[in-house]
Amino acid sequence: MNFVEELKWRGMIHDIMPGTEEFLQKGMTSAYVGIDPTADSLHIGHLVGVMMLRHFQQAGHRPLALVGGATGMIGDPSMKSQERNLLDEKTLRKNQEAIKVQLAKFLDFESEVPNRAVLVNNYDWTKDYSFLNFIRDIGKYLTVNYMMSKDSVKKRLAADSREGMSFTEFSYQLLQGYDYLFLYENYGCRLQMGGSDQWGNITTGTELIRKKLGGEAFALTCPLITKADGGKFGKTESGNVWLDRRYTSPYKFYQFWLNVSDLDAEKYIKIFTALPKAEIDSLIAEQLVTPHLRPLQKRLAQEVTVMVHSQEDYEAAVEASNILFGNSTSEALKKLDEETLLDVFSGVEQYEVSKDLFAAGIKAVELLVEKAPVLPSKSEMRKLVQSNGLSINKEKLSDFDAVIDSSYLLGDKYLLVQKGKKNYFLLIAK
């Protein structure tokens, strides 16, 4: 597999240093991508770099995933408006271990193959490096003029004319350049990859390697991922879409990919899956003929959810989706855990009612007209029941005066009422 050609057809190359493709064809080499460890989970914004490493390994090369424990303590000025909070070592180590678990779903760290992936943390080689030694050994090779010419610095200074940029942030590119130098010398790393906003930092590293060692190193960046409507990729109303289920449930994760636009689905399926070109081309053609069936979105959501979570989580997410949008059964509803149930029905109208009502048993008409006014009147409820238009927990309500007791509660707490085909209400017993 030609790594550069693979990235090209996937739309994953923004800038590439001349000679990179030719160098990679000479034999196995190592490349790295830096990952910010300021949280104990990756979010989908990290996935582009991770997929680049995945394709790199599949092409027979060795991927290095660099957790920026040192640089994460400073903060990259690229695309940022302010400095980030500094983290302590204990937090960084905890985050690093959590990130490695997630990366292991994409990269082979364990087998004995020569190109097995390696996780490194730049804190390990910078924590004991004295400031005097650093500016003597590294700082003298790059001029201030060179560092000031970088877009990340110029944009930050222009945007923050009152506050400017601290020396701490200004030194970021020097530290990242040293990372590349260290990996060049100790891991045979000849390529650094990242987002297009990282081009300046990456080429600072290639310049440092050239000046200090007379060595040749390469750079490759991918485009910053955007949405077709110009919105920011990976953001929802509740914030980032995380890979850790504690922050983004598998259901919400699946729904994010399922709900992208047709244009975005065509772009994302190339970037965020390892599906071959022929299969993707076939899906794109199918989408053109039957866009209402959304084959691209469905396959994209399947591939990424299985890769990040599991086949079981994907199937559960599909089943949960069918509860809201399909003809699922009460059995499927009862299988939902509380978190997924609340995710599925997060946008529906909710009513809190006393749990004591169910302990004693309450007539459906009294519950749904008086205690939780799902219906405006008893007469309307009667008409709905007679026309099979009212369901409780996905089962048709056939008796206007049916007694609803605690046995109806999902998870001993919830009651789902459905009026017609699309109107849902969630009763919460407290």
Protein backbone atom coordinates (compact mmCIF):
# COMPACT_ATOMS: atom_id res chain seq x y z
CA MET A 1 0.00 0.00 0.00
CA ASN A 2 1.35 3.42 -1.00
CA PHE A 3 0.69 5.53 2.09
CA VAL A 4 0.65 8.92 0.34
CA GLU A 5 -1.62 7.69 -2.46
CA GLU A 6 -3.98 6.24 0.16
CA LEU A 7 -4.23 9.59 1.95
CA LYS A 8 -4.65 11.49 -1.32
CA TRP A 9 -7.79 9.71 -2.49
CA ARG A 10 -9.19 9.97 1.03
CA GLY A 11 -8.76 13.75 0.96
CA MET A 12 -6.36 13.65 3.90
CA ILE A 13 -3.42 15.67 2.57
CA HIS A 14 -3.19 19.45 2.88
CA ASP A 15 0.58 20.03 2.70
CA ILE A 16 3.39 17.57 2.07
CA MET A 17 7.11 18.25 1.99
CA PRO A 18 8.75 17.45 -1.37
CA GLY A 19 10.40 14.03 -1.38
CA THR A 20 8.16 12.54 1.33
CA GLU A 21 6.42 10.00 -0.91
CA GLU A 22 9.67 8.88 -2.51
CA PHE A 23 11.33 8.47 0.89
CA LEU A 24 8.48 6.35 2.28
CA GLN A 25 8.75 3.97 -0.67
CA LYS A 26 12.37 3.09 0.21
CA GLY A 27 11.39 0.92 3.17
CA MET A 28 9.93 0.91 6.68
CA THR A 29 10.29 4.11 8.66
CA SER A 30 8.67 5.78 11.66
CA ALA A 31 6.30 8.74 11.85
CA TYR A 32 4.62 10.47 14.74
CA VAL A 33 1.51 12.45 15.55
CA GLY A 34 1.26 14.53 18.71
CA ILE A 35 -1.80 14.14 20.94
CA ASP A 36 -2.87 16.65 23.57
CA PRO A 37 -3.27 14.88 26.96
CA THR A 38 -5.33 17.57 28.71
CA ALA A 39 -8.27 15.13 29.13
CA ASP A 40 -8.46 11.43 29.97
CA SER A 41 -10.21 10.72 26.68
CA LEU A 42 -9.73 11.51 23.03
CA HIS A 43 -12.56 13.21 21.16
CA ILE A 44 -13.40 12.78 17.50
CA GLY A 45 -11.27 15.79 16.60
CA HIS A 46 -8.26 13.57 17.40
CA LEU A 47 -9.44 10.82 15.06
CA VAL A 48 -7.97 12.34 11.90
CA GLY A 49 -4.42 12.07 13.24
CA VAL A 50 -5.13 8.63 14.69
CA MET A 51 -6.46 7.41 11.32
CA MET A 52 -3.32 8.75 9.64
CA LEU A 53 -1.24 6.63 12.02
CA ARG A 54 -3.51 3.64 11.35
CA HIS A 55 -3.04 3.92 7.57
CA PHE A 56 0.69 4.42 8.16
CA GLN A 57 0.91 1.14 10.08
CA GLN A 58 -1.18 -0.68 7.49
CA ALA A 59 1.28 0.55 4.85
CA GLY A 60 4.05 -1.31 6.71
CA HIS A 61 5.53 1.60 8.66
CA ARG A 62 5.85 2.17 12.41
CA PRO A 63 3.50 4.70 14.03
CA LEU A 64 4.60 6.68 17.07
CA ALA A 65 1.81 8.23 19.13
CA LEU A 66 3.29 11.08 21.12
CA VAL A 67 1.38 12.17 24.18
CA GLY A 68 2.37 15.80 24.74
CA GLY A 69 2.88 15.72 28.48
CA ALA A 70 5.44 18.54 28.32
CA THR A 71 3.95 20.61 25.51
CA GLY A 72 0.49 20.04 27.02
CA MET A 73 1.73 21.89 30.09
CA ILE A 74 2.36 24.97 27.94
CA GLY A 75 -0.28 25.10 25.23
CA ASP A 76 0.06 25.45 21.51
CA PRO A 77 -0.77 29.00 20.35
CA SER A 78 -2.04 27.65 17.00
CA MET A 79 -5.75 28.40 16.56
CA LYS A 80 -6.01 29.37 20.25
CA SER A 81 -7.05 32.68 21.75
CA GLN A 82 -5.68 32.12 25.23
CA GLU A 83 -3.26 30.01 27.21
CA ARG A 84 -4.48 26.72 28.63
CA ASN A 85 -4.37 25.55 32.22
CA LEU A 86 -1.24 23.70 33.27
CA LEU A 87 -1.53 20.07 34.38
CA ASP A 88 0.41 18.22 37.07
CA GLU A 89 2.36 15.05 36.33
CA LYS A 90 -0.08 12.71 38.11
CA THR A 91 -2.97 13.94 35.96
CA LEU A 92 -0.87 13.70 32.79
CA ARG A 93 0.09 10.07 33.52
CA LYS A 94 -3.53 9.15 34.24
CA ASN A 95 -4.62 10.76 30.98
CA GLN A 96 -1.82 9.05 29.07
CA GLU A 97 -2.88 5.57 30.21
CA ALA A 98 -6.52 6.24 29.33
CA ILE A 99 -5.52 7.52 25.89
CA LYS A 100 -3.37 4.45 25.20
CA VAL A 101 -6.35 2.16 25.86
CA GLN A 102 -8.33 4.09 23.24
CA LEU A 103 -5.46 4.15 20.74
CA ALA A 104 -5.08 0.37 21.03
CA LYS A 105 -8.41 0.04 19.21
CA PHE A 106 -6.81 1.64 16.15
CA LEU A 107 -3.13 0.70 16.38
CA ASP A 108 -1.26 -2.54 17.07
CA PHE A 109 0.90 -1.96 20.16
CA GLU A 110 1.14 -5.59 21.26
CA SER A 111 2.24 -7.94 18.48
CA GLU A 112 5.84 -8.78 17.69
CA VAL A 113 5.80 -7.27 14.19
CA PRO A 114 8.67 -4.84 13.47
CA ASN A 115 6.25 -1.97 12.88
CA ARG A 116 4.22 -2.31 16.08
CA ALA A 117 3.07 1.05 17.39
CA VAL A 118 4.86 2.85 20.21
CA LEU A 119 3.41 5.33 22.71
CA VAL A 120 5.82 8.00 23.94
CA ASN A 121 5.44 11.02 26.21
CA ASN A 122 7.63 14.07 25.62
CA TYR A 123 7.53 14.82 29.34
CA ASP A 124 9.96 11.91 29.77
CA TRP A 125 12.77 13.57 27.81
CA THR A 126 12.13 17.18 28.76
CA LYS A 127 11.42 17.04 32.51
CA ASP A 128 15.13 16.82 33.46
CA TYR A 129 16.44 19.02 30.65
CA SER A 130 17.70 22.22 32.28
CA PHE A 131 16.73 25.56 30.81
CA LEU A 132 20.38 26.55 30.32
CA ASN A 133 21.20 23.34 28.47
CA PHE A 134 18.06 23.62 26.34
CA ILE A 135 18.71 27.15 25.12
CA ARG A 136 22.39 26.31 24.56
CA ASP A 137 21.82 22.99 22.76
CA ILE A 138 18.58 23.71 20.92
CA GLY A 139 17.67 27.41 21.03
CA LYS A 140 20.78 28.61 19.21
CA TYR A 141 19.83 26.80 16.00
CA LEU A 142 16.66 28.79 15.29
CA THR A 143 16.48 32.55 14.97
CA VAL A 144 13.75 34.68 16.48
CA ASN A 145 13.01 35.96 12.97
CA TYR A 146 12.38 32.39 11.80
CA MET A 147 10.09 31.67 14.74
CA MET A 148 8.20 34.96 14.32
CA SER A 149 7.49 34.14 10.68
CA LYS A 150 5.23 31.22 11.59
CA ASP A 151 1.53 31.75 10.93
CA SER A 152 0.55 30.50 14.40
CA VAL A 153 2.66 33.23 15.99
CA LYS A 154 1.62 35.99 13.59
CA LYS A 155 -2.09 35.22 13.93
CA ARG A 156 -1.90 35.10 17.70
CA LEU A 157 -0.04 38.40 17.92
CA ALA A 158 -2.45 40.07 15.50
CA ALA A 159 -5.50 38.79 17.37
CA ASP A 160 -4.14 39.56 20.82
CA SER A 161 -2.50 42.93 20.25
CA ARG A 162 -3.24 44.09 23.82
CA GLU A 163 -2.07 41.03 25.71
CA GLY A 164 0.41 39.65 23.18
CA MET A 165 1.94 36.20 23.57
CA SER A 166 3.90 34.95 26.57
CA PHE A 167 7.42 33.62 26.17
CA THR A 168 6.04 30.28 27.39
CA GLU A 169 3.77 29.99 24.37
CA PHE A 170 6.37 31.42 22.02
CA SER A 171 8.71 28.61 23.05
CA TYR A 172 6.14 25.96 22.11
CA GLN A 173 7.41 25.46 18.57
CA LEU A 174 10.96 25.08 19.89
CA LEU A 175 9.82 22.32 22.24
CA GLN A 176 7.88 20.59 19.47
CA GLY A 177 10.92 20.90 17.23
CA TYR A 178 13.00 19.23 19.94
CA ASP A 179 10.47 16.39 20.13
CA TYR A 180 11.04 15.69 16.45
CA LEU A 181 14.81 15.86 16.94
CA PHE A 182 14.65 13.45 19.90
CA LEU A 183 12.45 10.96 18.02
CA TYR A 184 14.70 11.30 14.94
CA GLU A 185 17.76 10.36 16.99
CA ASN A 186 16.20 7.73 19.28
CA TYR A 187 13.40 6.15 17.23
CA GLY A 188 14.53 6.70 13.64
CA CYS A 189 11.52 8.96 13.10
CA ARG A 190 11.63 10.68 9.70
CA LEU A 191 8.09 12.03 9.37
CA GLN A 192 5.81 14.15 11.53
CA MET A 193 2.13 14.44 10.71
CA GLY A 194 -0.64 16.66 12.03
CA GLY A 195 -3.41 19.10 11.16
CA SER A 196 -2.73 21.91 8.70
CA ASP A 197 -2.47 24.38 11.60
CA GLN A 198 0.62 22.42 12.72
CA TRP A 199 2.66 23.00 9.55
CA GLY A 200 4.72 25.75 11.13
CA ASN A 201 5.54 23.72 14.23
CA ILE A 202 6.37 20.61 12.19
CA THR A 203 8.69 22.42 9.80
CA THR A 204 10.44 23.99 12.79
CA GLY A 205 11.40 20.42 13.67
CA THR A 206 12.64 19.58 10.19
CA GLU A 207 14.71 22.79 10.22
CA LEU A 208 16.19 21.94 13.62
CA ILE A 209 17.15 18.44 12.45
CA ARG A 210 18.74 19.87 9.32
CA LYS A 211 20.73 22.54 11.15
CA LYS A 212 21.85 20.52 14.17
CA LEU A 213 22.41 17.09 12.60
CA GLY A 214 22.52 17.75 8.88
CA GLY A 215 19.64 15.22 8.68
CA GLU A 216 16.65 15.00 6.38
CA ALA A 217 13.17 14.80 7.86
CA PHE A 218 9.74 15.22 6.36
CA ALA A 219 6.36 16.81 7.08
CA LEU A 220 2.78 16.01 6.11
CA THR A 221 -0.44 17.67 7.23
CA CYS A 222 -4.12 16.95 6.69
CA PRO A 223 -6.86 19.54 6.22
CA LEU A 224 -8.71 20.79 9.28
CA ILE A 225 -12.05 18.99 9.18
CA THR A 226 -15.09 21.20 8.79
CA LYS A 227 -18.79 20.67 8.19
CA ALA A 228 -20.43 21.48 4.88
CA ASP A 229 -22.41 24.29 6.50
CA GLY A 230 -19.26 25.89 7.86
CA GLY A 231 -19.86 24.76 11.43
CA LYS A 232 -17.18 23.24 13.63
CA PHE A 233 -16.71 19.51 13.23
CA GLY A 234 -17.15 17.32 16.30
CA LYS A 235 -19.12 19.81 18.38
CA THR A 236 -22.68 19.34 19.55
CA GLU A 237 -24.89 21.40 21.83
CA SER A 238 -23.43 19.51 24.78
CA GLY A 239 -19.80 19.97 23.65
CA ASN A 240 -17.21 17.59 22.22
CA VAL A 241 -18.08 14.12 20.97
CA TRP A 242 -15.81 11.94 23.11
CA LEU A 243 -14.54 8.41 22.58
CA ASP A 244 -15.08 7.54 26.24
CA ARG A 245 -18.63 6.38 26.96
CA ARG A 246 -18.58 8.24 30.28
CA TYR A 247 -18.69 11.52 28.36
CA THR A 248 -20.51 10.51 25.16
CA SER A 249 -22.66 7.38 25.27
CA PRO A 250 -22.37 4.88 22.38
CA TYR A 251 -25.92 5.83 21.39
CA LYS A 252 -25.11 9.54 21.14
CA PHE A 253 -21.83 8.70 19.41
CA TYR A 254 -23.69 6.62 16.82
CA GLN A 255 -26.32 9.31 16.36
CA PHE A 256 -23.67 11.96 15.69
CA TRP A 257 -22.38 10.09 12.64
CA LEU A 258 -25.84 8.98 11.52
CA ASN A 259 -27.06 12.58 11.38
CA VAL A 260 -24.30 14.18 9.32
CA SER A 261 -25.29 15.73 5.97
CA ASP A 262 -24.93 13.85 2.68
CA LEU A 263 -21.95 16.01 1.70
CA ASP A 264 -20.24 15.46 5.03
CA ALA A 265 -20.96 11.72 4.98
CA GLU A 266 -19.21 11.40 1.61
CA LYS A 267 -16.16 13.19 3.02
CA TYR A 268 -16.13 11.60 6.46
CA ILE A 269 -16.45 7.99 5.32
CA LYS A 270 -13.13 8.37 3.50
CA ILE A 271 -11.39 9.97 6.48
CA PHE A 272 -12.80 8.13 9.48
CA THR A 273 -13.05 4.56 8.19
CA ALA A 274 -10.60 2.09 6.68
CA LEU A 275 -13.10 0.96 4.01
CA PRO A 276 -11.45 0.43 0.61
CA LYS A 277 -12.01 2.84 -2.27
CA ALA A 278 -14.18 0.47 -4.33
CA GLU A 279 -16.59 -0.05 -1.44
CA ILE A 280 -16.82 3.66 -0.67
CA ASP A 281 -17.40 4.49 -4.35
CA SER A 282 -20.20 1.92 -4.40
CA LEU A 283 -21.82 3.47 -1.32
CA ILE A 284 -21.58 6.96 -2.84
CA ALA A 285 -23.28 5.69 -6.01
CA GLU A 286 -25.99 4.03 -3.92
CA GLN A 287 -26.55 7.29 -2.03
CA LEU A 288 -27.13 9.16 -5.29
CA VAL A 289 -29.87 6.72 -6.29
CA THR A 290 -31.54 6.33 -2.87
CA PRO A 291 -30.54 9.34 -0.74
CA HIS A 292 -33.60 8.85 1.49
CA LEU A 293 -32.18 5.50 2.67
CA ARG A 294 -28.93 7.23 3.69
CA PRO A 295 -26.57 4.28 3.04
CA LEU A 296 -23.49 6.48 3.51
CA GLN A 297 -24.51 7.74 6.94
CA LYS A 298 -25.58 4.28 8.10
CA ARG A 299 -22.32 2.64 7.06
CA LEU A 300 -20.23 5.50 8.42
CA ALA A 301 -22.00 5.32 11.78
CA GLN A 302 -21.58 1.54 11.86
CA GLU A 303 -17.87 1.54 11.03
CA VAL A 304 -16.86 4.26 13.48
CA THR A 305 -19.07 3.03 16.34
CA VAL A 306 -17.75 -0.54 16.04
CA MET A 307 -14.16 0.72 15.82
CA VAL A 308 -14.42 3.03 18.84
CA HIS A 309 -16.84 0.97 20.97
CA SER A 310 -17.89 -2.52 19.87
CA GLN A 311 -20.23 -4.49 17.62
CA GLU A 312 -22.55 -4.98 20.61
CA ASP A 313 -22.65 -1.23 21.32
CA TYR A 314 -23.42 -0.55 17.66
CA GLU A 315 -26.29 -3.06 17.62
CA ALA A 316 -27.67 -1.63 20.86
CA ALA A 317 -27.51 1.89 19.39
CA VAL A 318 -29.39 0.77 16.27
CA GLU A 319 -32.02 -0.92 18.41
CA ALA A 320 -32.36 2.17 20.57
CA SER A 321 -32.74 4.34 17.45
CA ASN A 322 -35.51 2.09 16.20
CA ILE A 323 -37.45 2.68 19.41
CA LEU A 324 -37.80 6.34 18.54
CA PHE A 325 -37.93 6.14 14.76
CA GLY A 326 -39.01 2.59 13.91
CA ASN A 327 -41.47 -0.12 14.85
CA SER A 328 -39.64 -1.59 17.80
CA THR A 329 -41.25 -3.66 20.54
CA SER A 330 -41.76 -3.20 24.25
CA GLU A 331 -39.09 -5.87 24.81
CA ALA A 332 -36.50 -3.67 23.07
CA LEU A 333 -37.54 -0.72 25.20
CA LYS A 334 -37.22 -2.71 28.42
CA LYS A 335 -33.66 -3.74 27.50
CA LEU A 336 -32.42 -0.14 27.47
CA ASP A 337 -30.21 0.95 30.33
CA GLU A 338 -31.17 4.20 32.04
CA GLU A 339 -28.47 6.28 30.34
CA THR A 340 -29.49 5.20 26.84
CA LEU A 341 -33.18 5.60 27.64
CA LEU A 342 -32.58 9.21 28.69
CA ASP A 343 -30.37 9.80 25.64
CA VAL A 344 -33.00 8.47 23.26
CA PHE A 345 -35.77 10.57 24.79
CA SER A 346 -33.72 13.62 25.76
CA GLY A 347 -35.70 15.87 23.43
CA VAL A 348 -39.21 14.73 24.34
CA GLU A 349 -41.57 16.41 26.77
CA GLN A 350 -41.12 15.11 30.30
CA TYR A 351 -43.37 15.10 33.37
CA GLU A 352 -42.46 14.33 36.96
CA VAL A 353 -45.10 12.45 38.95
CA SER A 354 -45.17 10.99 42.45
CA LYS A 355 -43.95 7.42 42.69
CA ASP A 356 -46.66 6.80 45.29
CA LEU A 357 -49.27 6.97 42.54
CA PHE A 358 -47.89 3.79 40.98
CA ALA A 359 -47.48 1.99 44.27
CA ALA A 360 -51.20 2.28 44.87
CA GLY A 361 -52.15 1.98 41.19
CA ILE A 362 -53.78 4.78 39.19
CA LYS A 363 -56.20 4.77 36.28
CA ALA A 364 -54.55 5.62 32.96
CA VAL A 365 -57.06 8.40 32.26
CA GLU A 366 -56.38 10.05 35.59
CA LEU A 367 -52.62 9.75 35.15
CA LEU A 368 -52.45 11.10 31.59
CA VAL A 369 -55.07 13.85 31.82
CA GLU A 370 -54.74 15.12 35.39
CA LYS A 371 -51.41 14.13 36.95
CA ALA A 372 -49.30 14.43 33.81
CA PRO A 373 -51.31 16.40 31.22
CA VAL A 374 -50.19 14.47 28.16
CA LEU A 375 -53.77 14.78 26.88
CA PRO A 376 -56.02 17.84 27.22
CA SER A 377 -59.22 15.98 28.08
CA LYS A 378 -60.77 12.63 28.91
CA SER A 379 -62.79 12.70 25.71
CA GLU A 380 -59.68 13.09 23.55
CA MET A 381 -58.02 10.26 25.40
CA ARG A 382 -61.05 8.06 24.86
CA LYS A 383 -60.96 8.76 21.10
CA LEU A 384 -57.23 7.96 20.93
CA VAL A 385 -57.63 4.68 22.82
CA GLN A 386 -60.55 3.64 20.60
CA SER A 387 -58.46 4.32 17.45
CA ASN A 388 -55.40 2.47 18.81
CA GLY A 389 -53.52 5.77 18.87
CA LEU A 390 -52.16 5.64 22.43
CA SER A 391 -49.35 3.40 23.69
CA ILE A 392 -47.64 2.91 27.01
CA ASN A 393 -44.13 1.46 26.89
CA LYS A 394 -44.65 0.63 23.17
CA GLU A 395 -47.80 -1.40 23.85
CA LYS A 396 -51.23 -0.21 22.69
CA LEU A 397 -53.50 0.94 25.47
CA SER A 398 -56.83 -0.80 24.91
CA ASP A 399 -58.61 0.09 28.14
CA PHE A 400 -59.46 3.70 28.94
CA ASP A 401 -59.62 2.89 32.66
CA ALA A 402 -56.63 0.50 32.82
CA VAL A 403 -54.80 0.67 36.13
CA ILE A 404 -51.14 1.61 35.84
CA ASP A 405 -49.04 0.36 38.73
CA SER A 406 -45.35 -0.01 39.60
CA SER A 407 -44.95 -3.04 37.33
CA TYR A 408 -45.23 -0.68 34.34
CA LEU A 409 -42.22 1.42 35.36
CA LEU A 410 -39.06 1.01 33.30
CA GLY A 411 -36.11 0.72 35.63
CA ASP A 412 -38.57 1.30 38.47
CA LYS A 413 -38.70 4.96 37.43
CA TYR A 414 -39.89 5.72 33.87
CA LEU A 415 -43.06 5.41 31.83
CA LEU A 416 -43.05 6.06 28.08
CA VAL A 417 -46.28 7.37 26.56
CA GLN A 418 -46.72 7.56 22.79
CA LYS A 419 -49.49 9.54 21.11
CA GLY A 420 -49.87 8.72 17.45
CA LYS A 421 -46.72 7.79 15.58
CA LYS A 422 -44.27 10.51 16.54
CA ASN A 423 -45.36 12.18 19.77
CA TYR A 424 -43.56 10.82 22.82
CA PHE A 425 -43.77 11.79 26.49
CA LEU A 426 -41.61 10.52 29.31
CA LEU A 427 -43.07 10.28 32.79
CA ILE A 428 -40.52 10.19 35.62
CA ALA A 429 -41.66 8.73 38.92
CA LYS A 430 -40.01 10.38 41.91
